[in-house]
Amino acid sequence: FVQAARFSKDEDSVLSASVDCTIARWDVLSGDCTKRFQ
């Protein structure tokens, strides 16, 4: 499950928080995950 997601102020990236114990950062233009960490 993904519990929450937020835009960056410039809207270039998105953060998401999941029950899988990770935070992910996504590039809005490409849709790629640029960083993921526990």
PDB file of all heavy atoms in Angstrom:
ATOM      1  N   PHE A   1       0.824  -1.204   0.000  1.00  0.00           N
ATOM      2  CA  PHE A   1       0.000   0.000   0.000  1.00  0.00           C
ATOM      3  C   PHE A   1       0.863   1.261   0.000  1.00  0.00           C
ATOM      4  O   PHE A   1       1.895   1.318   0.658  1.00  0.00           O
ATOM      5  CB  PHE A   1      -0.901   0.063   1.235  1.00  0.00           C
ATOM      6  CG  PHE A   1      -1.733  -1.157   1.484  1.00  0.00           C
ATOM      7  CD1 PHE A   1      -2.115  -1.489   2.779  1.00  0.00           C
ATOM      8  CD2 PHE A   1      -2.137  -1.981   0.449  1.00  0.00           C
ATOM      9  CE1 PHE A   1      -2.894  -2.599   3.033  1.00  0.00           C
ATOM     10  CE2 PHE A   1      -2.918  -3.102   0.690  1.00  0.00           C
ATOM     11  CZ  PHE A   1      -3.300  -3.414   1.982  1.00  0.00           C
ATOM     12  N   VAL A   2       0.409   2.287  -0.694  1.00  0.00           N
ATOM     13  CA  VAL A   2       1.044   3.606  -0.614  1.00  0.00           C
ATOM     14  C   VAL A   2       0.161   4.479   0.265  1.00  0.00           C
ATOM     15  O   VAL A   2      -1.011   4.695  -0.032  1.00  0.00           O
ATOM     16  CB  VAL A   2       1.224   4.246  -2.005  1.00  0.00           C
ATOM     17  CG1 VAL A   2       1.923   5.589  -1.869  1.00  0.00           C
ATOM     18  CG2 VAL A   2       2.032   3.325  -2.915  1.00  0.00           C
ATOM     19  N   GLN A   3       0.716   4.960   1.350  1.00  0.00           N
ATOM     20  CA  GLN A   3      -0.054   5.701   2.345  1.00  0.00           C
ATOM     21  C   GLN A   3      -0.195   7.187   2.029  1.00  0.00           C
ATOM     22  O   GLN A   3      -1.181   7.821   2.400  1.00  0.00           O
ATOM     23  CB  GLN A   3       0.614   5.555   3.720  1.00  0.00           C
ATOM     24  CG  GLN A   3       0.635   4.129   4.254  1.00  0.00           C
ATOM     25  CD  GLN A   3      -0.680   3.733   4.882  1.00  0.00           C
ATOM     26  OE1 GLN A   3      -1.725   3.777   4.246  1.00  0.00           O
ATOM     27  NE2 GLN A   3      -0.632   3.367   6.146  1.00  0.00           N
ATOM     28  N   ALA A   4       0.808   7.761   1.347  1.00  0.00           N
ATOM     29  CA  ALA A   4       0.774   9.198   1.083  1.00  0.00           C
ATOM     30  C   ALA A   4       1.690   9.544  -0.076  1.00  0.00           C
ATOM     31  O   ALA A   4       2.660   8.830  -0.349  1.00  0.00           O
ATOM     32  CB  ALA A   4       1.205   9.978   2.332  1.00  0.00           C
ATOM     33  N   ALA A   5       1.370  10.656  -0.757  1.00  0.00           N
ATOM     34  CA  ALA A   5       2.219  11.159  -1.842  1.00  0.00           C
ATOM     35  C   ALA A   5       2.130  12.681  -1.866  1.00  0.00           C
ATOM     36  O   ALA A   5       1.078  13.247  -1.604  1.00  0.00           O
ATOM     37  CB  ALA A   5       1.782  10.575  -3.178  1.00  0.00           C
ATOM     38  N   ARG A   6       3.252  13.335  -2.192  1.00  0.00           N
ATOM     39  CA  ARG A   6       3.307  14.797  -2.205  1.00  0.00           C
ATOM     40  C   ARG A   6       4.133  15.294  -3.392  1.00  0.00           C
ATOM     41  O   ARG A   6       5.141  14.693  -3.744  1.00  0.00           O
ATOM     42  CB  ARG A   6       3.983  15.331  -0.926  1.00  0.00           C
ATOM     43  CG  ARG A   6       3.470  14.754   0.369  1.00  0.00           C
ATOM     44  CD  ARG A   6       2.251  15.459   0.870  1.00  0.00           C
ATOM     45  NE  ARG A   6       1.846  14.903   2.157  1.00  0.00           N
ATOM     46  CZ  ARG A   6       0.818  15.319   2.857  1.00  0.00           C
ATOM     47  NH1 ARG A   6       0.082  16.325   2.407  1.00  0.00           N
ATOM     48  NH2 ARG A   6       0.514  14.767   4.022  1.00  0.00           N
ATOM     49  N   PHE A   7       3.709  16.414  -3.961  1.00  0.00           N
ATOM     50  CA  PHE A   7       4.496  17.104  -4.974  1.00  0.00           C
ATOM     51  C   PHE A   7       5.630  17.887  -4.322  1.00  0.00           C
ATOM     52  O   PHE A   7       5.495  18.375  -3.201  1.00  0.00           O
ATOM     53  CB  PHE A   7       3.633  18.127  -5.721  1.00  0.00           C
ATOM     54  CG  PHE A   7       2.756  17.569  -6.800  1.00  0.00           C
ATOM     55  CD1 PHE A   7       1.378  17.522  -6.627  1.00  0.00           C
ATOM     56  CD2 PHE A   7       3.296  17.129  -7.998  1.00  0.00           C
ATOM     57  CE1 PHE A   7       0.551  17.048  -7.630  1.00  0.00           C
ATOM     58  CE2 PHE A   7       2.478  16.642  -9.005  1.00  0.00           C
ATOM     59  CZ  PHE A   7       1.099  16.596  -8.823  1.00  0.00           C
ATOM     60  N   SER A   8       6.732  18.057  -5.055  1.00  0.00           N
ATOM     61  CA  SER A   8       7.719  19.060  -4.680  1.00  0.00           C
ATOM     62  C   SER A   8       7.144  20.421  -5.060  1.00  0.00           C
ATOM     63  O   SER A   8       6.197  20.505  -5.850  1.00  0.00           O
ATOM     64  CB  SER A   8       9.048  18.820  -5.408  1.00  0.00           C
ATOM     65  OG  SER A   8       8.859  18.909  -6.805  1.00  0.00           O
ATOM     66  N   LYS A   9       7.713  21.485  -4.531  1.00  0.00           N
ATOM     67  CA  LYS A   9       7.163  22.813  -4.797  1.00  0.00           C
ATOM     68  C   LYS A   9       7.234  23.172  -6.275  1.00  0.00           C
ATOM     69  O   LYS A   9       6.327  23.810  -6.825  1.00  0.00           O
ATOM     70  CB  LYS A   9       7.896  23.866  -3.952  1.00  0.00           C
ATOM     71  CG  LYS A   9       7.226  25.224  -3.986  1.00  0.00           C
ATOM     72  CD  LYS A   9       7.811  26.158  -2.942  1.00  0.00           C
ATOM     73  CE  LYS A   9       7.055  27.478  -2.920  1.00  0.00           C
ATOM     74  NZ  LYS A   9       7.577  28.406  -1.888  1.00  0.00           N
ATOM     75  N   ASP A  10       8.320  22.749  -6.952  1.00  0.00           N
ATOM     76  CA  ASP A  10       8.458  23.048  -8.378  1.00  0.00           C
ATOM     77  C   ASP A  10       7.733  22.021  -9.258  1.00  0.00           C
ATOM     78  O   ASP A  10       7.739  22.138 -10.489  1.00  0.00           O
ATOM     79  CB  ASP A  10       9.932  23.143  -8.780  1.00  0.00           C
ATOM     80  CG  ASP A  10      10.710  21.857  -8.486  1.00  0.00           C
ATOM     81  OD1 ASP A  10      10.083  20.802  -8.233  1.00  0.00           O
ATOM     82  OD2 ASP A  10      11.950  21.901  -8.526  1.00  0.00           O
ATOM     83  N   GLU A  11       7.139  21.011  -8.620  1.00  0.00           N
ATOM     84  CA  GLU A  11       6.363  19.972  -9.302  1.00  0.00           C
ATOM     85  C   GLU A  11       7.204  19.087 -10.223  1.00  0.00           C
ATOM     86  O   GLU A  11       6.676  18.345 -11.044  1.00  0.00           O
ATOM     87  CB  GLU A  11       5.189  20.569 -10.089  1.00  0.00           C
ATOM     88  CG  GLU A  11       4.193  21.302  -9.223  1.00  0.00           C
ATOM     89  CD  GLU A  11       3.041  21.898 -10.023  1.00  0.00           C
ATOM     90  OE1 GLU A  11       2.707  21.345 -11.081  1.00  0.00           O
ATOM     91  OE2 GLU A  11       2.482  22.916  -9.578  1.00  0.00           O
ATOM     92  N   ASP A  12       8.527  19.127 -10.057  1.00  0.00           N
ATOM     93  CA  ASP A  12       9.397  18.280 -10.877  1.00  0.00           C
ATOM     94  C   ASP A  12       9.497  16.859 -10.341  1.00  0.00           C
ATOM     95  O   ASP A  12       9.885  15.939 -11.063  1.00  0.00           O
ATOM     96  CB  ASP A  12      10.811  18.878 -10.951  1.00  0.00           C
ATOM     97  CG  ASP A  12      10.871  20.101 -11.840  1.00  0.00           C
ATOM     98  OD1 ASP A  12       9.936  20.291 -12.647  1.00  0.00           O
ATOM     99  OD2 ASP A  12      11.837  20.876 -11.723  1.00  0.00           O
ATOM    100  N   SER A  13       9.158  16.697  -9.060  1.00  0.00           N
ATOM    101  CA  SER A  13       9.266  15.369  -8.453  1.00  0.00           C
ATOM    102  C   SER A  13       8.101  15.114  -7.501  1.00  0.00           C
ATOM    103  O   SER A  13       7.396  16.032  -7.090  1.00  0.00           O
ATOM    104  CB  SER A  13      10.601  15.218  -7.714  1.00  0.00           C
ATOM    105  OG  SER A  13      10.677  16.132  -6.626  1.00  0.00           O
ATOM    106  N   VAL A  14       7.938  13.858  -7.164  1.00  0.00           N
ATOM    107  CA  VAL A  14       6.891  13.401  -6.254  1.00  0.00           C
ATOM    108  C   VAL A  14       7.522  12.476  -5.227  1.00  0.00           C
ATOM    109  O   VAL A  14       8.392  11.663  -5.560  1.00  0.00           O
ATOM    110  CB  VAL A  14       5.783  12.655  -7.037  1.00  0.00           C
ATOM    111  CG1 VAL A  14       4.923  11.809  -6.115  1.00  0.00           C
ATOM    112  CG2 VAL A  14       4.919  13.631  -7.811  1.00  0.00           C
ATOM    113  N   LEU A  15       7.102  12.611  -3.975  1.00  0.00           N
ATOM    114  CA  LEU A  15       7.514  11.689  -2.908  1.00  0.00           C
ATOM    115  C   LEU A  15       6.345  10.782  -2.566  1.00  0.00           C
ATOM    116  O   LEU A  15       5.189  11.200  -2.586  1.00  0.00           O
ATOM    117  CB  LEU A  15       7.912  12.454  -1.646  1.00  0.00           C
ATOM    118  CG  LEU A  15       9.215  13.226  -1.640  1.00  0.00           C
ATOM    119  CD1 LEU A  15       9.319  14.033  -0.356  1.00  0.00           C
ATOM    120  CD2 LEU A  15      10.412  12.290  -1.772  1.00  0.00           C
ATOM    121  N   SER A  16       6.638   9.524  -2.241  1.00  0.00           N
ATOM    122  CA  SER A  16       5.592   8.603  -1.800  1.00  0.00           C
ATOM    123  C   SER A  16       6.077   7.798  -0.606  1.00  0.00           C
ATOM    124  O   SER A  16       7.260   7.500  -0.472  1.00  0.00           O
ATOM    125  CB  SER A  16       5.175   7.657  -2.935  1.00  0.00           C
ATOM    126  OG  SER A  16       6.282   6.918  -3.422  1.00  0.00           O
ATOM    127  N   ALA A  17       5.149   7.484   0.295  1.00  0.00           N
ATOM    128  CA  ALA A  17       5.436   6.718   1.512  1.00  0.00           C
ATOM    129  C   ALA A  17       4.603   5.444   1.495  1.00  0.00           C
ATOM    130  O   ALA A  17       3.396   5.503   1.283  1.00  0.00           O
ATOM    131  CB  ALA A  17       5.101   7.545   2.749  1.00  0.00           C
ATOM    132  N   SER A  18       5.246   4.307   1.731  1.00  0.00           N
ATOM    133  CA  SER A  18       4.555   3.025   1.585  1.00  0.00           C
ATOM    134  C   SER A  18       4.695   2.122   2.803  1.00  0.00           C
ATOM    135  O   SER A  18       5.657   2.221   3.571  1.00  0.00           O
ATOM    136  CB  SER A  18       5.092   2.290   0.347  1.00  0.00           C
ATOM    137  OG  SER A  18       4.573   0.979   0.260  1.00  0.00           O
ATOM    138  N   VAL A  19       3.736   1.227   2.920  1.00  0.00           N
ATOM    139  CA  VAL A  19       3.767   0.200   3.964  1.00  0.00           C
ATOM    140  C   VAL A  19       4.917  -0.779   3.736  1.00  0.00           C
ATOM    141  O   VAL A  19       5.295  -1.520   4.639  1.00  0.00           O
ATOM    142  CB  VAL A  19       2.405  -0.545   4.000  1.00  0.00           C
ATOM    143  CG1 VAL A  19       2.415  -1.716   4.955  1.00  0.00           C
ATOM    144  CG2 VAL A  19       1.303   0.431   4.411  1.00  0.00           C
ATOM    145  N   ASP A  20       5.518  -0.758   2.543  1.00  0.00           N
ATOM    146  CA  ASP A  20       6.679  -1.631   2.301  1.00  0.00           C
ATOM    147  C   ASP A  20       7.938  -1.091   2.976  1.00  0.00           C
ATOM    148  O   ASP A  20       9.044  -1.574   2.731  1.00  0.00           O
ATOM    149  CB  ASP A  20       6.914  -1.852   0.803  1.00  0.00           C
ATOM    150  CG  ASP A  20       7.320  -0.579   0.046  1.00  0.00           C
ATOM    151  OD1 ASP A  20       7.633   0.437   0.691  1.00  0.00           O
ATOM    152  OD2 ASP A  20       7.300  -0.606  -1.196  1.00  0.00           O
ATOM    153  N   CYS A  21       7.764  -0.059   3.832  1.00  0.00           N
ATOM    154  CA  CYS A  21       8.827   0.533   4.662  1.00  0.00           C
ATOM    155  C   CYS A  21       9.779   1.425   3.868  1.00  0.00           C
ATOM    156  O   CYS A  21      10.894   1.705   4.317  1.00  0.00           O
ATOM    157  CB  CYS A  21       9.642  -0.547   5.394  1.00  0.00           C
ATOM    158  SG  CYS A  21       8.637  -1.653   6.400  1.00  0.00           S
ATOM    159  N   THR A  22       9.367   1.879   2.685  1.00  0.00           N
ATOM    160  CA  THR A  22      10.243   2.731   1.887  1.00  0.00           C
ATOM    161  C   THR A  22       9.596   4.070   1.535  1.00  0.00           C
ATOM    162  O   THR A  22       8.377   4.198   1.486  1.00  0.00           O
ATOM    163  CB  THR A  22      10.651   2.048   0.568  1.00  0.00           C
ATOM    164  OG1 THR A  22       9.498   1.872  -0.263  1.00  0.00           O
ATOM    165  CG2 THR A  22      11.326   0.715   0.827  1.00  0.00           C
ATOM    166  N   ILE A  23      10.471   5.033   1.287  1.00  0.00           N
ATOM    167  CA  ILE A  23      10.129   6.319   0.695  1.00  0.00           C
ATOM    168  C   ILE A  23      10.699   6.312  -0.723  1.00  0.00           C
ATOM    169  O   ILE A  23      11.843   5.910  -0.932  1.00  0.00           O
ATOM    170  CB  ILE A  23      10.746   7.491   1.484  1.00  0.00           C
ATOM    171  CG1 ILE A  23      10.247   7.500   2.938  1.00  0.00           C
ATOM    172  CG2 ILE A  23      10.446   8.818   0.806  1.00  0.00           C
ATOM    173  CD1 ILE A  23       8.786   7.780   3.110  1.00  0.00           C
ATOM    174  N   ALA A  24       9.903   6.748  -1.684  1.00  0.00           N
ATOM    175  CA  ALA A  24      10.378   6.804  -3.066  1.00  0.00           C
ATOM    176  C   ALA A  24      10.259   8.217  -3.602  1.00  0.00           C
ATOM    177  O   ALA A  24       9.328   8.946  -3.255  1.00  0.00           O
ATOM    178  CB  ALA A  24       9.592   5.837  -3.949  1.00  0.00           C
ATOM    179  N   ARG A  25      11.226   8.604  -4.436  1.00  0.00           N
ATOM    180  CA  ARG A  25      11.169   9.886  -5.129  1.00  0.00           C
ATOM    181  C   ARG A  25      11.056   9.611  -6.623  1.00  0.00           C
ATOM    182  O   ARG A  25      11.815   8.824  -7.183  1.00  0.00           O
ATOM    183  CB  ARG A  25      12.415  10.730  -4.840  1.00  0.00           C
ATOM    184  CG  ARG A  25      12.316  12.153  -5.366  1.00  0.00           C
ATOM    185  CD  ARG A  25      13.485  13.012  -4.934  1.00  0.00           C
ATOM    186  NE  ARG A  25      14.681  12.736  -5.711  1.00  0.00           N
ATOM    187  CZ  ARG A  25      15.875  12.452  -5.180  1.00  0.00           C
ATOM    188  NH1 ARG A  25      16.007  12.362  -3.874  1.00  0.00           N
ATOM    189  NH2 ARG A  25      16.916  12.233  -5.947  1.00  0.00           N
ATOM    190  N   TRP A  26      10.085  10.258  -7.267  1.00  0.00           N
ATOM    191  CA  TRP A  26       9.778   9.993  -8.668  1.00  0.00           C
ATOM    192  C   TRP A  26       9.977  11.242  -9.511  1.00  0.00           C
ATOM    193  O   TRP A  26       9.646  12.340  -9.084  1.00  0.00           O
ATOM    194  CB  TRP A  26       8.320   9.537  -8.813  1.00  0.00           C
ATOM    195  CG  TRP A  26       7.914   8.441  -7.881  1.00  0.00           C
ATOM    196  CD1 TRP A  26       7.439   8.582  -6.611  1.00  0.00           C
ATOM    197  CD2 TRP A  26       7.960   7.039  -8.135  1.00  0.00           C
ATOM    198  NE1 TRP A  26       7.170   7.355  -6.055  1.00  0.00           N
ATOM    199  CE2 TRP A  26       7.478   6.383  -6.966  1.00  0.00           C
ATOM    200  CE3 TRP A  26       8.332   6.267  -9.242  1.00  0.00           C
ATOM    201  CZ2 TRP A  26       7.372   5.001  -6.874  1.00  0.00           C
ATOM    202  CZ3 TRP A  26       8.239   4.879  -9.148  1.00  0.00           C
ATOM    203  CH2 TRP A  26       7.763   4.256  -7.974  1.00  0.00           C
ATOM    204  N   ASP A  27      10.518  11.041 -10.713  1.00  0.00           N
ATOM    205  CA  ASP A  27      10.638  12.138 -11.665  1.00  0.00           C
ATOM    206  C   ASP A  27       9.311  12.286 -12.403  1.00  0.00           C
ATOM    207  O   ASP A  27       8.824  11.331 -13.016  1.00  0.00           O
ATOM    208  CB  ASP A  27      11.764  11.842 -12.660  1.00  0.00           C
ATOM    209  CG  ASP A  27      11.947  12.960 -13.664  1.00  0.00           C
ATOM    210  OD1 ASP A  27      12.630  13.936 -13.336  1.00  0.00           O
ATOM    211  OD2 ASP A  27      11.394  12.851 -14.789  1.00  0.00           O
ATOM    212  N   VAL A  28       8.712  13.464 -12.325  1.00  0.00           N
ATOM    213  CA  VAL A  28       7.387  13.669 -12.900  1.00  0.00           C
ATOM    214  C   VAL A  28       7.397  13.540 -14.419  1.00  0.00           C
ATOM    215  O   VAL A  28       6.471  12.986 -15.016  1.00  0.00           O
ATOM    216  CB  VAL A  28       6.819  15.045 -12.476  1.00  0.00           C
ATOM    217  CG1 VAL A  28       5.572  15.401 -13.276  1.00  0.00           C
ATOM    218  CG2 VAL A  28       6.500  15.041 -10.987  1.00  0.00           C
ATOM    219  N   LEU A  29       8.438  14.029 -15.062  1.00  0.00           N
ATOM    220  CA  LEU A  29       8.493  14.008 -16.525  1.00  0.00           C
ATOM    221  C   LEU A  29       8.618  12.586 -17.074  1.00  0.00           C
ATOM    222  O   LEU A  29       7.860  12.179 -17.959  1.00  0.00           O
ATOM    223  CB  LEU A  29       9.656  14.871 -17.019  1.00  0.00           C
ATOM    224  CG  LEU A  29       9.734  15.094 -18.535  1.00  0.00           C
ATOM    225  CD1 LEU A  29       8.486  15.820 -19.032  1.00  0.00           C
ATOM    226  CD2 LEU A  29      10.992  15.877 -18.889  1.00  0.00           C
ATOM    227  N   SER A  30       9.546  11.810 -16.524  1.00  0.00           N
ATOM    228  CA  SER A  30       9.800  10.467 -17.049  1.00  0.00           C
ATOM    229  C   SER A  30       8.960   9.388 -16.371  1.00  0.00           C
ATOM    230  O   SER A  30       8.724   8.319 -16.944  1.00  0.00           O
ATOM    231  CB  SER A  30      11.282  10.114 -16.900  1.00  0.00           C
ATOM    232  OG  SER A  30      11.622   9.980 -15.525  1.00  0.00           O
ATOM    233  N   GLY A  31       8.540   9.647 -15.130  1.00  0.00           N
ATOM    234  CA  GLY A  31       7.823   8.641 -14.365  1.00  0.00           C
ATOM    235  C   GLY A  31       8.735   7.654 -13.666  1.00  0.00           C
ATOM    236  O   GLY A  31       8.275   6.723 -13.010  1.00  0.00           O
ATOM    237  N   ASP A  32      10.051   7.849 -13.792  1.00  0.00           N
ATOM    238  CA  ASP A  32      11.029   6.928 -13.208  1.00  0.00           C
ATOM    239  C   ASP A  32      11.230   7.188 -11.721  1.00  0.00           C
ATOM    240  O   ASP A  32      11.112   8.330 -11.256  1.00  0.00           O
ATOM    241  CB  ASP A  32      12.380   7.059 -13.914  1.00  0.00           C
ATOM    242  CG  ASP A  32      12.330   6.622 -15.362  1.00  0.00           C
ATOM    243  OD1 ASP A  32      11.445   5.799 -15.706  1.00  0.00           O
ATOM    244  OD2 ASP A  32      13.172   7.096 -16.153  1.00  0.00           O
ATOM    245  N   CYS A  33      11.548   6.130 -10.988  1.00  0.00           N
ATOM    246  CA  CYS A  33      11.930   6.255  -9.581  1.00  0.00           C
ATOM    247  C   CYS A  33      13.403   6.631  -9.535  1.00  0.00           C
ATOM    248  O   CYS A  33      14.260   5.861  -9.981  1.00  0.00           O
ATOM    249  CB  CYS A  33      11.682   4.940  -8.842  1.00  0.00           C
ATOM    250  SG  CYS A  33      12.123   4.990  -7.096  1.00  0.00           S
ATOM    251  N   THR A  34      13.713   7.823  -9.031  1.00  0.00           N
ATOM    252  CA  THR A  34      15.093   8.297  -9.003  1.00  0.00           C
ATOM    253  C   THR A  34      15.800   7.994  -7.686  1.00  0.00           C
ATOM    254  O   THR A  34      17.025   8.033  -7.616  1.00  0.00           O
ATOM    255  CB  THR A  34      15.142   9.815  -9.255  1.00  0.00           C
ATOM    256  OG1 THR A  34      14.356  10.492  -8.265  1.00  0.00           O
ATOM    257  CG2 THR A  34      14.587  10.141 -10.641  1.00  0.00           C
ATOM    258  N   LYS A  35      15.025   7.693  -6.647  1.00  0.00           N
ATOM    259  CA  LYS A  35      15.620   7.338  -5.353  1.00  0.00           C
ATOM    260  C   LYS A  35      14.601   6.567  -4.533  1.00  0.00           C
ATOM    261  O   LYS A  35      13.412   6.908  -4.524  1.00  0.00           O
ATOM    262  CB  LYS A  35      16.047   8.598  -4.594  1.00  0.00           C
ATOM    263  CG  LYS A  35      16.882   8.326  -3.359  1.00  0.00           C
ATOM    264  CD  LYS A  35      18.275   7.844  -3.728  1.00  0.00           C
ATOM    265  CE  LYS A  35      19.148   7.605  -2.506  1.00  0.00           C
ATOM    266  NZ  LYS A  35      20.504   7.149  -2.872  1.00  0.00           N
ATOM    267  N   ARG A  36      15.069   5.545  -3.856  1.00  0.00           N
ATOM    268  CA  ARG A  36      14.202   4.779  -2.970  1.00  0.00           C
ATOM    269  C   ARG A  36      15.020   4.323  -1.773  1.00  0.00           C
ATOM    270  O   ARG A  36      16.118   3.800  -1.937  1.00  0.00           O
ATOM    271  CB  ARG A  36      13.626   3.569  -3.711  1.00  0.00           C
ATOM    272  CG  ARG A  36      12.561   2.818  -2.927  1.00  0.00           C
ATOM    273  CD  ARG A  36      11.948   1.726  -3.790  1.00  0.00           C
ATOM    274  NE  ARG A  36      10.992   0.944  -3.057  1.00  0.00           N
ATOM    275  CZ  ARG A  36      10.339  -0.107  -3.564  1.00  0.00           C
ATOM    276  NH1 ARG A  36      10.554  -0.471  -4.818  1.00  0.00           N
ATOM    277  NH2 ARG A  36       9.480  -0.773  -2.830  1.00  0.00           N
ATOM    278  N   PHE A  37      14.506   4.541  -0.573  1.00  0.00           N
ATOM    279  CA  PHE A  37      15.263   4.182   0.618  1.00  0.00           C
ATOM    280  C   PHE A  37      14.330   3.797   1.756  1.00  0.00           C
ATOM    281  O   PHE A  37      13.173   4.223   1.805  1.00  0.00           O
ATOM    282  CB  PHE A  37      16.182   5.329   1.053  1.00  0.00           C
ATOM    283  CG  PHE A  37      15.510   6.655   1.182  1.00  0.00           C
ATOM    284  CD1 PHE A  37      14.901   7.043   2.367  1.00  0.00           C
ATOM    285  CD2 PHE A  37      15.490   7.541   0.119  1.00  0.00           C
ATOM    286  CE1 PHE A  37      14.276   8.270   2.498  1.00  0.00           C
ATOM    287  CE2 PHE A  37      14.865   8.783   0.234  1.00  0.00           C
ATOM    288  CZ  PHE A  37      14.261   9.151   1.418  1.00  0.00           C
ATOM    289  N   GLN A  38      14.866   2.993   2.678  1.00  0.00           N
ATOM    290  CA  GLN A  38      14.108   2.591   3.856  1.00  0.00           C
ATOM    291  C   GLN A  38      14.226   3.663   4.932  1.00  0.00           C
ATOM    292  O   GLN A  38      15.203   4.411   4.990  1.00  0.00           O
ATOM    293  CB  GLN A  38      14.639   1.269   4.413  1.00  0.00           C
ATOM    294  CG  GLN A  38      14.171   0.038   3.670  1.00  0.00           C
ATOM    295  CD  GLN A  38      14.492  -1.223   4.446  1.00  0.00           C
ATOM    296  OE1 GLN A  38      15.526  -1.323   5.099  1.00  0.00           O
ATOM    297  NE2 GLN A  38      13.608  -2.200   4.385  1.00  0.00           N
TER     298      GLN A  38
END
